[in-house]
Amino acid sequence: MDKALLNINEFCEYMGIGKTKARELLNNPKNRFTVRIGNRLYANKKLLDEWLEYQCKRA
Protein backbone atom coordinates (compact mmCIF):
# COMPACT_ATOMS: atom_id res chain seq x y z
CA MET A 1 0.00 0.00 0.00
CA ASP A 2 1.24 3.48 -0.85
CA LYS A 3 1.75 5.97 1.95
CA ALA A 4 -0.82 8.75 2.14
CA LEU A 5 1.62 11.25 3.65
CA LEU A 6 5.22 11.90 2.63
CA ASN A 7 7.70 13.25 5.16
CA ILE A 8 10.24 15.87 4.10
CA ASN A 9 12.86 13.33 2.98
CA GLU A 10 10.35 11.28 1.00
CA PHE A 11 8.93 14.47 -0.52
CA CYS A 12 12.42 15.57 -1.62
CA GLU A 13 13.13 12.19 -3.19
CA TYR A 14 9.71 12.04 -4.89
CA MET A 15 10.04 15.56 -6.32
CA GLY A 16 13.78 15.44 -7.01
CA ILE A 17 14.43 18.65 -5.08
CA GLY A 18 16.44 19.73 -2.05
CA LYS A 19 15.19 20.32 1.47
CA THR A 20 15.25 24.12 1.18
CA LYS A 21 12.94 24.13 -1.86
CA ALA A 22 10.79 21.40 -0.29
CA ARG A 23 10.24 23.47 2.85
CA GLU A 24 9.47 26.52 0.71
CA LEU A 25 6.76 24.56 -1.14
CA LEU A 26 5.35 22.97 2.01
CA ASN A 27 5.22 26.32 3.85
CA ASN A 28 3.36 28.03 1.00
CA PRO A 29 -0.17 28.73 2.32
CA LYS A 30 -1.62 28.59 -1.21
CA ASN A 31 -0.95 24.89 -1.73
CA ARG A 32 -3.51 22.31 -0.67
CA PHE A 33 -1.20 19.32 -0.26
CA THR A 34 0.56 20.33 2.97
CA VAL A 35 -0.46 18.62 6.21
CA ARG A 36 0.94 20.02 9.44
CA ILE A 37 1.11 17.68 12.42
CA GLY A 38 2.65 19.50 15.34
CA ASN A 39 5.81 21.17 14.05
CA ARG A 40 6.26 18.68 11.21
CA LEU A 41 5.22 19.16 7.62
CA TYR A 42 3.98 16.36 5.39
CA ALA A 43 2.73 16.22 1.82
CA ASN A 44 -0.56 14.49 1.05
CA LYS A 45 0.53 12.35 -1.91
CA LYS A 46 -2.87 12.32 -3.64
CA LEU A 47 -3.24 16.10 -3.50
CA LEU A 48 0.42 16.54 -4.46
CA ASP A 49 -0.09 14.42 -7.59
CA GLU A 50 -3.15 16.50 -8.52
CA TRP A 51 -1.13 19.70 -8.01
CA LEU A 52 1.69 18.34 -10.19
CA GLU A 53 -0.76 17.47 -12.98
CA TYR A 54 -2.21 20.97 -12.82
CA GLN A 55 1.27 22.52 -12.94
CA CYS A 56 2.19 20.39 -15.97
CA LYS A 57 -0.98 21.41 -17.84
CA ARG A 58 -0.26 25.09 -17.17
CA ALA A 59 3.24 24.90 -18.63
PDB file of N, CA and C in Angstrom:
ATOM      1  N   MET A   1       0.844  -1.186   0.000  1.00  0.00           N
ATOM      2  CA  MET A   1       0.000   0.000   0.000  1.00  0.00           C
ATOM      3  C   MET A   1       0.886   1.244   0.000  1.00  0.00           C
ATOM      4  N   ASP A   2       0.518   2.212  -0.816  1.00  0.00           N
ATOM      5  CA  ASP A   2       1.242   3.476  -0.850  1.00  0.00           C
ATOM      6  C   ASP A   2       0.949   4.290   0.396  1.00  0.00           C
ATOM      7  N   LYS A   3       1.930   5.085   0.802  1.00  0.00           N
ATOM      8  CA  LYS A   3       1.745   5.967   1.948  1.00  0.00           C
ATOM      9  C   LYS A   3       0.889   7.156   1.530  1.00  0.00           C
ATOM     10  N   ALA A   4       0.025   7.591   2.420  1.00  0.00           N
ATOM     11  CA  ALA A   4      -0.822   8.748   2.139  1.00  0.00           C
ATOM     12  C   ALA A   4      -0.058  10.048   2.352  1.00  0.00           C
ATOM     13  N   LEU A   5       0.855  10.057   3.340  1.00  0.00           N
ATOM     14  CA  LEU A   5       1.621  11.253   3.654  1.00  0.00           C
ATOM     15  C   LEU A   5       3.107  11.001   3.440  1.00  0.00           C
ATOM     16  N   LEU A   6       3.772  11.973   2.841  1.00  0.00           N
ATOM     17  CA  LEU A   6       5.216  11.898   2.629  1.00  0.00           C
ATOM     18  C   LEU A   6       5.906  12.842   3.590  1.00  0.00           C
ATOM     19  N   ASN A   7       6.928  12.348   4.301  1.00  0.00           N
ATOM     20  CA  ASN A   7       7.702  13.250   5.162  1.00  0.00           C
ATOM     21  C   ASN A   7       8.646  14.060   4.279  1.00  0.00           C
ATOM     22  N   ILE A   8       9.407  14.942   4.868  1.00  0.00           N
ATOM     23  CA  ILE A   8      10.243  15.870   4.101  1.00  0.00           C
ATOM     24  C   ILE A   8      11.265  15.126   3.239  1.00  0.00           C
ATOM     25  N   ASN A   9      11.875  14.081   3.759  1.00  0.00           N
ATOM     26  CA  ASN A   9      12.862  13.331   2.980  1.00  0.00           C
ATOM     27  C   ASN A   9      12.209  12.592   1.813  1.00  0.00           C
ATOM     28  N   GLU A  10      11.070  11.981   2.061  1.00  0.00           N
ATOM     29  CA  GLU A  10      10.347  11.279   0.996  1.00  0.00           C
ATOM     30  C   GLU A  10       9.848  12.265  -0.061  1.00  0.00           C
ATOM     31  N   PHE A  11       9.388  13.424   0.393  1.00  0.00           N
ATOM     32  CA  PHE A  11       8.926  14.474  -0.518  1.00  0.00           C
ATOM     33  C   PHE A  11      10.064  14.943  -1.420  1.00  0.00           C
ATOM     34  N   CYS A  12      11.245  15.153  -0.837  1.00  0.00           N
ATOM     35  CA  CYS A  12      12.419  15.568  -1.617  1.00  0.00           C
ATOM     36  C   CYS A  12      12.770  14.520  -2.663  1.00  0.00           C
ATOM     37  N   GLU A  13      12.788  13.271  -2.266  1.00  0.00           N
ATOM     38  CA  GLU A  13      13.125  12.190  -3.189  1.00  0.00           C
ATOM     39  C   GLU A  13      12.078  12.074  -4.296  1.00  0.00           C
ATOM     40  N   TYR A  14      10.808  12.160  -3.933  1.00  0.00           N
ATOM     41  CA  TYR A  14       9.708  12.043  -4.888  1.00  0.00           C
ATOM     42  C   TYR A  14       9.743  13.170  -5.919  1.00  0.00           C
ATOM     43  N   MET A  15      10.040  14.385  -5.443  1.00  0.00           N
ATOM     44  CA  MET A  15      10.042  15.556  -6.318  1.00  0.00           C
ATOM     45  C   MET A  15      11.387  15.794  -6.998  1.00  0.00           C
ATOM     46  N   GLY A  16      12.452  15.212  -6.453  1.00  0.00           N
ATOM     47  CA  GLY A  16      13.776  15.441  -7.009  1.00  0.00           C
ATOM     48  C   GLY A  16      14.308  16.828  -6.702  1.00  0.00           C
ATOM     49  N   ILE A  17      14.000  17.315  -5.497  1.00  0.00           N
ATOM     50  CA  ILE A  17      14.426  18.650  -5.078  1.00  0.00           C
ATOM     51  C   ILE A  17      15.126  18.557  -3.727  1.00  0.00           C
ATOM     52  N   GLY A  18      15.759  19.672  -3.337  1.00  0.00           N
ATOM     53  CA  GLY A  18      16.437  19.730  -2.053  1.00  0.00           C
ATOM     54  C   GLY A  18      15.492  20.125  -0.931  1.00  0.00           C
ATOM     55  N   LYS A  19      16.012  20.036   0.289  1.00  0.00           N
ATOM     56  CA  LYS A  19      15.186  20.322   1.468  1.00  0.00           C
ATOM     57  C   LYS A  19      14.762  21.784   1.551  1.00  0.00           C
ATOM     58  N   THR A  20      15.613  22.697   1.109  1.00  0.00           N
ATOM     59  CA  THR A  20      15.255  24.118   1.177  1.00  0.00           C
ATOM     60  C   THR A  20      14.042  24.401   0.297  1.00  0.00           C
ATOM     61  N   LYS A  21      14.060  23.924  -0.941  1.00  0.00           N
ATOM     62  CA  LYS A  21      12.940  24.131  -1.863  1.00  0.00           C
ATOM     63  C   LYS A  21      11.707  23.369  -1.374  1.00  0.00           C
ATOM     64  N   ALA A  22      11.905  22.189  -0.817  1.00  0.00           N
ATOM     65  CA  ALA A  22      10.785  21.402  -0.293  1.00  0.00           C
ATOM     66  C   ALA A  22      10.081  22.153   0.836  1.00  0.00           C
ATOM     67  N   ARG A  23      10.844  22.715   1.741  1.00  0.00           N
ATOM     68  CA  ARG A  23      10.245  23.472   2.850  1.00  0.00           C
ATOM     69  C   ARG A  23       9.526  24.713   2.333  1.00  0.00           C
ATOM     70  N   GLU A  24      10.106  25.350   1.316  1.00  0.00           N
ATOM     71  CA  GLU A  24       9.474  26.517   0.709  1.00  0.00           C
ATOM     72  C   GLU A  24       8.100  26.135   0.137  1.00  0.00           C
ATOM     73  N   LEU A  25       8.033  25.016  -0.573  1.00  0.00           N
ATOM     74  CA  LEU A  25       6.759  24.562  -1.136  1.00  0.00           C
ATOM     75  C   LEU A  25       5.771  24.164  -0.040  1.00  0.00           C
ATOM     76  N   LEU A  26       6.245  23.440   0.954  1.00  0.00           N
ATOM     77  CA  LEU A  26       5.354  22.975   2.015  1.00  0.00           C
ATOM     78  C   LEU A  26       4.855  24.118   2.900  1.00  0.00           C
ATOM     79  N   ASN A  27       5.632  25.172   3.025  1.00  0.00           N
ATOM     80  CA  ASN A  27       5.217  26.318   3.849  1.00  0.00           C
ATOM     81  C   ASN A  27       4.341  27.312   3.098  1.00  0.00           C
ATOM     82  N   ASN A  28       4.181  27.118   1.795  1.00  0.00           N
ATOM     83  CA  ASN A  28       3.357  28.030   1.003  1.00  0.00           C
ATOM     84  C   ASN A  28       1.885  27.840   1.379  1.00  0.00           C
ATOM     85  N   PRO A  29       1.227  28.890   1.883  1.00  0.00           N
ATOM     86  CA  PRO A  29      -0.169  28.731   2.325  1.00  0.00           C
ATOM     87  C   PRO A  29      -1.143  28.513   1.173  1.00  0.00           C
ATOM     88  N   LYS A  30      -0.720  28.751  -0.062  1.00  0.00           N
ATOM     89  CA  LYS A  30      -1.620  28.594  -1.209  1.00  0.00           C
ATOM     90  C   LYS A  30      -1.766  27.145  -1.667  1.00  0.00           C
ATOM     91  N   ASN A  31      -0.822  26.284  -1.290  1.00  0.00           N
ATOM     92  CA  ASN A  31      -0.948  24.891  -1.734  1.00  0.00           C
ATOM     93  C   ASN A  31      -1.916  24.139  -0.835  1.00  0.00           C
ATOM     94  N   ARG A  32      -2.510  23.092  -1.409  1.00  0.00           N
ATOM     95  CA  ARG A  32      -3.508  22.307  -0.673  1.00  0.00           C
ATOM     96  C   ARG A  32      -2.946  20.986  -0.185  1.00  0.00           C
ATOM     97  N   PHE A  33      -1.719  20.660  -0.566  1.00  0.00           N
ATOM     98  CA  PHE A  33      -1.204  19.324  -0.256  1.00  0.00           C
ATOM     99  C   PHE A  33      -0.427  19.242   1.049  1.00  0.00           C
ATOM    100  N   THR A  34      -0.189  20.359   1.718  1.00  0.00           N
ATOM    101  CA  THR A  34       0.564  20.332   2.973  1.00  0.00           C
ATOM    102  C   THR A  34      -0.324  19.935   4.149  1.00  0.00           C
ATOM    103  N   VAL A  35       0.200  19.034   4.961  1.00  0.00           N
ATOM    104  CA  VAL A  35      -0.460  18.621   6.208  1.00  0.00           C
ATOM    105  C   VAL A  35       0.526  18.912   7.328  1.00  0.00           C
ATOM    106  N   ARG A  36       0.091  19.686   8.300  1.00  0.00           N
ATOM    107  CA  ARG A  36       0.935  20.020   9.438  1.00  0.00           C
ATOM    108  C   ARG A  36       0.465  19.212  10.642  1.00  0.00           C
ATOM    109  N   ILE A  37       1.387  18.444  11.199  1.00  0.00           N
ATOM    110  CA  ILE A  37       1.111  17.684  12.420  1.00  0.00           C
ATOM    111  C   ILE A  37       2.152  18.124  13.430  1.00  0.00           C
ATOM    112  N   GLY A  38       1.710  18.893  14.397  1.00  0.00           N
ATOM    113  CA  GLY A  38       2.652  19.495  15.341  1.00  0.00           C
ATOM    114  C   GLY A  38       3.546  20.460  14.592  1.00  0.00           C
ATOM    115  N   ASN A  39       4.848  20.316  14.751  1.00  0.00           N
ATOM    116  CA  ASN A  39       5.807  21.165  14.046  1.00  0.00           C
ATOM    117  C   ASN A  39       6.245  20.567  12.720  1.00  0.00           C
ATOM    118  N   ARG A  40       5.789  19.380  12.417  1.00  0.00           N
ATOM    119  CA  ARG A  40       6.260  18.680  11.213  1.00  0.00           C
ATOM    120  C   ARG A  40       5.335  18.927  10.028  1.00  0.00           C
ATOM    121  N   LEU A  41       5.956  18.970   8.856  1.00  0.00           N
ATOM    122  CA  LEU A  41       5.223  19.162   7.616  1.00  0.00           C
ATOM    123  C   LEU A  41       5.249  17.874   6.803  1.00  0.00           C
ATOM    124  N   TYR A  42       4.108  17.531   6.248  1.00  0.00           N
ATOM    125  CA  TYR A  42       3.979  16.355   5.394  1.00  0.00           C
ATOM    126  C   TYR A  42       3.259  16.775   4.110  1.00  0.00           C
ATOM    127  N   ALA A  43       3.442  15.989   3.065  1.00  0.00           N
ATOM    128  CA  ALA A  43       2.726  16.224   1.818  1.00  0.00           C
ATOM    129  C   ALA A  43       1.720  15.098   1.614  1.00  0.00           C
ATOM    130  N   ASN A  44       0.467  15.467   1.385  1.00  0.00           N
ATOM    131  CA  ASN A  44      -0.562  14.490   1.050  1.00  0.00           C
ATOM    132  C   ASN A  44      -0.289  14.071  -0.396  1.00  0.00           C
ATOM    133  N   LYS A  45       0.075  12.817  -0.597  1.00  0.00           N
ATOM    134  CA  LYS A  45       0.527  12.352  -1.907  1.00  0.00           C
ATOM    135  C   LYS A  45      -0.547  12.499  -2.978  1.00  0.00           C
ATOM    136  N   LYS A  46      -1.785  12.207  -2.663  1.00  0.00           N
ATOM    137  CA  LYS A  46      -2.869  12.319  -3.640  1.00  0.00           C
ATOM    138  C   LYS A  46      -3.038  13.772  -4.099  1.00  0.00           C
ATOM    139  N   LEU A  47      -3.087  14.690  -3.149  1.00  0.00           N
ATOM    140  CA  LEU A  47      -3.243  16.102  -3.497  1.00  0.00           C
ATOM    141  C   LEU A  47      -1.997  16.642  -4.187  1.00  0.00           C
ATOM    142  N   LEU A  48      -0.828  16.145  -3.809  1.00  0.00           N
ATOM    143  CA  LEU A  48       0.418  16.543  -4.457  1.00  0.00           C
ATOM    144  C   LEU A  48       0.405  16.121  -5.923  1.00  0.00           C
ATOM    145  N   ASP A  49      -0.023  14.896  -6.209  1.00  0.00           N
ATOM    146  CA  ASP A  49      -0.089  14.416  -7.586  1.00  0.00           C
ATOM    147  C   ASP A  49      -1.064  15.260  -8.416  1.00  0.00           C
ATOM    148  N   GLU A  50      -2.190  15.636  -7.822  1.00  0.00           N
ATOM    149  CA  GLU A  50      -3.151  16.503  -8.516  1.00  0.00           C
ATOM    150  C   GLU A  50      -2.530  17.865  -8.803  1.00  0.00           C
ATOM    151  N   TRP A  51      -1.801  18.415  -7.846  1.00  0.00           N
ATOM    152  CA  TRP A  51      -1.133  19.703  -8.014  1.00  0.00           C
ATOM    153  C   TRP A  51      -0.089  19.616  -9.123  1.00  0.00           C
ATOM    154  N   LEU A  52       0.676  18.521  -9.152  1.00  0.00           N
ATOM    155  CA  LEU A  52       1.689  18.341 -10.194  1.00  0.00           C
ATOM    156  C   LEU A  52       1.043  18.262 -11.587  1.00  0.00           C
ATOM    157  N   GLU A  53      -0.059  17.545 -11.702  1.00  0.00           N
ATOM    158  CA  GLU A  53      -0.756  17.468 -12.980  1.00  0.00           C
ATOM    159  C   GLU A  53      -1.223  18.845 -13.435  1.00  0.00           C
ATOM    160  N   TYR A  54      -1.768  19.620 -12.515  1.00  0.00           N
ATOM    161  CA  TYR A  54      -2.210  20.971 -12.822  1.00  0.00           C
ATOM    162  C   TYR A  54      -1.042  21.832 -13.290  1.00  0.00           C
ATOM    163  N   GLN A  55       0.085  21.731 -12.586  1.00  0.00           N
ATOM    164  CA  GLN A  55       1.268  22.520 -12.939  1.00  0.00           C
ATOM    165  C   GLN A  55       1.778  22.130 -14.331  1.00  0.00           C
ATOM    166  N   CYS A  56       1.734  20.853 -14.662  1.00  0.00           N
ATOM    167  CA  CYS A  56       2.189  20.392 -15.972  1.00  0.00           C
ATOM    168  C   CYS A  56       1.275  20.878 -17.089  1.00  0.00           C
ATOM    169  N   LYS A  57      -0.012  20.925 -16.830  1.00  0.00           N
ATOM    170  CA  LYS A  57      -0.981  21.408 -17.842  1.00  0.00           C
ATOM    171  C   LYS A  57      -0.825  22.904 -18.088  1.00  0.00           C
ATOM    172  N   ARG A  58      -0.443  23.639 -17.044  1.00  0.00           N
ATOM    173  CA  ARG A  58      -0.257  25.092 -17.170  1.00  0.00           C
ATOM    174  C   ARG A  58       0.955  25.432 -17.997  1.00  0.00           C
ATOM    175  N   ALA A  59       1.964  24.587 -17.966  1.00  0.00           N
ATOM    176  CA  ALA A  59       3.238  24.898 -18.631  1.00  0.00           C
ATOM    177  C   ALA A  59       3.159  24.740 -20.130  1.00  0.00           C
TER     178      ALA A  59
END
